Amino acid sequence: MARSVFIFNTHDLPHRAGEMREYQLKLAMTETVGVELLSIKPGEIIEVDLRITSVDEGVLATGEVRAMATGECGRCLDPISWPIDEPFTELFYYETAASRAAEKGKKNNRRDEKKDIDLDEDELNFMVGDEINLELPIRDAVILNLPVNPLCDEDCPGLCQGCGEKWINLPEGHAHNPEDPRWAALKGLNL
């Protein structure tokens, strides 16, 4: 199985709180990242300015994601490009620090039942050895900031429902009067 492009090795970062390293990454996508009408396609590049900082609990990753999403307008289906420039911040726990935090949380819960400490491990990101997986923070930065219904222009009139042509290319008085077959028998009546 191929290694994910989102896996980043933090081996160069000392495990002392306050140590920091900066990197510029160019990630070639192997699968689509985005929503149905607008996404970063496979083979396109996501640029990441990554800063990793060693903290007591693990590694704090902050970064800036830059890419160009492509797709089509939700009204007229013209091709569009959408620039992405979004920040992210994520804490990756050392496995040993995470187990200590969980134990500390259990002790605090025993002392004070009213205190609600949420240490749901599904919501925490853990390092695997010296590696962090940047997939979730990068996907979140991209997907959560894309429009669900992208438009080529805010005033895009879309397509005519009757003929499927773009409203912008049709004459001003363009209209369709669909004939209802139920009323066809009444056409021959002379009143």
Protein backbone atom coordinates (compact mmCIF):
# COMPACT_ATOMS: atom_id res chain seq x y z
CA MET A 1 0.00 0.00 0.00
CA ALA A 2 1.33 3.43 -0.96
CA ARG A 3 2.21 5.87 1.80
CA SER A 4 -0.25 8.76 2.17
CA VAL A 5 0.94 12.16 0.97
CA PHE A 6 -0.49 13.62 4.20
CA ILE A 7 1.95 11.77 6.52
CA PHE A 8 4.70 14.08 7.79
CA ASN A 9 7.73 12.95 9.79
CA THR A 10 8.64 15.24 12.72
CA HIS A 11 11.94 13.48 13.45
CA ASP A 12 13.90 16.78 13.13
CA LEU A 13 11.85 18.42 15.88
CA PRO A 14 13.37 17.99 19.37
CA HIS A 15 10.94 16.87 22.08
CA ARG A 16 11.54 20.01 24.15
CA ALA A 17 8.65 22.41 24.66
CA GLY A 18 9.09 25.55 22.57
CA GLU A 19 11.19 24.04 19.76
CA MET A 20 9.85 24.95 16.32
CA ARG A 21 10.48 24.07 12.68
CA GLU A 22 8.97 25.50 9.49
CA TYR A 23 8.44 23.65 6.21
CA GLN A 24 6.96 24.33 2.80
CA LEU A 25 5.18 21.28 1.41
CA LYS A 26 3.75 20.57 -2.03
CA LEU A 27 1.32 17.68 -1.78
CA ALA A 28 0.23 16.01 -5.04
CA MET A 29 -3.33 14.79 -4.52
CA THR A 30 -4.11 11.16 -5.21
CA GLU A 31 -7.86 11.54 -4.63
CA THR A 32 -10.46 14.29 -4.83
CA VAL A 33 -10.66 16.75 -1.93
CA GLY A 34 -13.78 18.90 -1.87
CA VAL A 35 -17.50 18.87 -2.51
CA GLU A 36 -19.44 17.54 -5.49
CA LEU A 37 -19.44 20.71 -7.61
CA LEU A 38 -16.06 22.11 -6.53
CA SER A 39 -12.92 20.22 -5.55
CA ILE A 40 -9.20 19.75 -5.85
CA LYS A 41 -8.78 16.98 -8.40
CA PRO A 42 -6.27 14.11 -8.29
CA GLY A 43 -2.88 15.17 -9.65
CA GLU A 44 -3.29 18.80 -8.56
CA ILE A 45 -1.05 20.32 -5.89
CA ILE A 46 -1.91 21.58 -2.42
CA GLU A 47 0.76 23.89 -1.02
CA VAL A 48 1.15 23.90 2.76
CA ASP A 49 3.24 26.32 4.81
CA LEU A 50 3.67 24.17 7.91
CA ARG A 51 4.99 25.19 11.31
CA ILE A 52 5.42 22.43 13.89
CA THR A 53 6.05 23.33 17.50
CA SER A 54 6.98 20.95 20.29
CA VAL A 55 4.69 21.33 23.32
CA ASP A 56 4.42 19.28 26.54
CA GLU A 57 1.57 17.11 25.23
CA GLY A 58 2.90 16.55 21.71
CA VAL A 59 3.34 18.53 18.49
CA LEU A 60 1.28 21.57 17.56
CA ALA A 61 0.91 21.88 13.79
CA THR A 62 -0.18 25.21 12.35
CA GLY A 63 -0.27 25.93 8.69
CA GLU A 64 -1.65 27.70 5.70
CA VAL A 65 -3.25 25.64 2.91
CA ARG A 66 -3.19 27.06 -0.62
CA ALA A 67 -4.66 25.42 -3.69
CA MET A 68 -7.00 25.99 -6.62
CA ALA A 69 -10.30 24.10 -6.59
CA THR A 70 -12.04 23.59 -9.91
CA GLY A 71 -15.59 22.67 -10.72
CA GLU A 72 -18.71 24.09 -12.26
CA CYS A 73 -21.20 26.81 -11.50
CA GLY A 74 -24.26 25.51 -9.69
CA ARG A 75 -26.60 27.53 -11.97
CA CYS A 76 -25.15 27.68 -15.48
CA LEU A 77 -22.63 24.79 -15.30
CA ASP A 78 -19.76 26.93 -16.63
CA PRO A 79 -16.31 25.85 -15.41
CA ILE A 80 -15.01 27.85 -12.44
CA SER A 81 -11.83 28.06 -10.39
CA TRP A 82 -11.92 28.82 -6.67
CA PRO A 83 -8.75 29.91 -4.86
CA ILE A 84 -8.20 28.37 -1.43
CA ASP A 85 -6.04 30.08 1.19
CA GLU A 86 -7.04 28.77 4.63
CA PRO A 87 -5.24 28.32 7.96
CA PHE A 88 -5.37 25.29 10.24
CA THR A 89 -4.16 24.42 13.72
CA GLU A 90 -4.03 20.90 15.14
CA LEU A 91 -2.46 19.32 18.21
CA PHE A 92 -1.00 15.83 17.79
CA TYR A 93 -0.52 14.09 21.14
CA TYR A 94 2.43 11.91 21.97
CA GLU A 95 1.01 8.49 22.74
CA THR A 96 2.51 8.57 26.25
CA ALA A 97 1.22 12.11 26.92
CA ALA A 98 -2.26 11.09 25.81
CA SER A 99 -2.35 8.16 28.21
CA ARG A 100 -1.15 10.44 31.06
CA ALA A 101 -3.85 13.00 30.22
CA ALA A 102 -6.49 10.26 30.23
CA GLU A 103 -5.30 9.03 33.62
CA LYS A 104 -5.27 12.57 35.00
CA GLY A 105 -8.81 13.05 33.71
CA LYS A 106 -9.97 9.85 35.41
CA LYS A 107 -8.45 10.99 38.73
CA ASN A 108 -10.13 14.40 38.43
CA ASN A 109 -13.46 12.73 37.68
CA ARG A 110 -13.14 10.62 40.81
CA ARG A 111 -12.52 13.69 42.98
CA ASP A 112 -15.25 15.89 41.56
CA GLU A 113 -18.17 14.19 39.80
CA LYS A 114 -19.61 17.57 38.74
CA LYS A 115 -16.55 18.33 36.63
CA ASP A 116 -17.06 17.07 33.07
CA ILE A 117 -13.78 16.34 31.29
CA ASP A 118 -14.16 15.16 27.71
CA LEU A 119 -11.19 13.02 26.71
CA ASP A 120 -12.90 11.16 23.89
CA GLU A 121 -10.00 9.52 22.07
CA ASP A 122 -11.86 9.69 18.76
CA GLU A 123 -11.55 13.48 18.81
CA LEU A 124 -7.83 13.48 19.61
CA ASN A 125 -5.04 13.11 17.06
CA PHE A 126 -2.11 10.94 18.07
CA MET A 127 1.37 10.72 16.64
CA VAL A 128 2.54 7.36 15.36
CA GLY A 129 6.18 7.32 16.31
CA ASP A 130 7.47 10.63 14.93
CA GLU A 131 4.81 10.89 12.22
CA ILE A 132 1.74 13.10 12.13
CA ASN A 133 -1.15 12.66 9.71
CA LEU A 134 -2.15 16.04 8.27
CA GLU A 135 -5.06 14.66 6.24
CA LEU A 136 -7.91 15.70 8.57
CA PRO A 137 -6.74 19.26 9.25
CA ILE A 138 -6.01 19.87 5.55
CA ARG A 139 -9.32 18.34 4.42
CA ASP A 140 -11.19 20.38 7.03
CA ALA A 141 -9.43 23.59 5.96
CA VAL A 142 -10.39 22.93 2.34
CA ILE A 143 -13.87 21.42 2.56
CA LEU A 144 -15.29 23.58 5.34
CA ASN A 145 -14.39 26.72 3.42
CA LEU A 146 -15.74 25.75 -0.01
CA PRO A 147 -19.20 26.95 -1.02
CA VAL A 148 -21.76 24.16 -1.26
CA ASN A 149 -23.34 25.80 -4.32
CA PRO A 150 -20.52 27.60 -6.13
CA LEU A 151 -21.42 30.32 -8.61
CA CYS A 152 -19.41 31.81 -11.46
CA ASP A 153 -20.94 35.18 -10.52
CA GLU A 154 -23.34 36.20 -7.74
CA ASP A 155 -25.76 37.47 -10.39
CA CYS A 156 -25.55 34.35 -12.58
CA PRO A 157 -29.04 33.88 -14.08
CA GLY A 158 -28.52 30.16 -14.76
CA LEU A 159 -30.22 28.08 -17.44
CA CYS A 160 -33.71 28.25 -18.94
CA GLN A 161 -35.75 25.38 -17.53
CA GLY A 162 -37.60 24.92 -20.81
CA CYS A 163 -34.77 24.72 -23.35
CA GLY A 164 -31.60 24.45 -21.23
CA GLU A 165 -29.92 27.48 -22.82
CA LYS A 166 -28.13 30.07 -20.71
CA TRP A 167 -30.43 32.95 -19.80
CA ILE A 168 -27.61 35.40 -20.54
CA ASN A 169 -27.57 34.25 -24.23
CA LEU A 170 -31.36 34.34 -24.72
CA PRO A 171 -33.39 37.36 -25.88
CA GLU A 172 -35.10 39.44 -23.18
CA GLY A 173 -38.65 38.23 -23.88
CA HIS A 174 -37.74 34.53 -24.05
CA ALA A 175 -40.46 32.31 -22.59
CA HIS A 176 -41.94 28.87 -23.00
CA ASN A 177 -45.66 28.29 -22.90
CA PRO A 178 -45.97 24.58 -22.34
CA GLU A 179 -49.24 23.21 -23.57
CA ASP A 180 -51.08 21.03 -21.15
CA PRO A 181 -52.50 18.04 -23.09
CA ARG A 182 -55.52 17.99 -20.78
CA TRP A 183 -56.70 21.32 -22.25
CA ALA A 184 -56.09 20.34 -25.91
CA ALA A 185 -59.72 19.26 -26.45
CA LEU A 186 -60.95 22.74 -25.54
CA LYS A 187 -58.95 24.39 -28.35
CA GLY A 188 -61.52 23.39 -30.97
CA LEU A 189 -64.45 24.94 -29.12
CA ASN A 190 -65.89 28.15 -30.52
CA LEU A 191 -67.44 30.16 -27.80
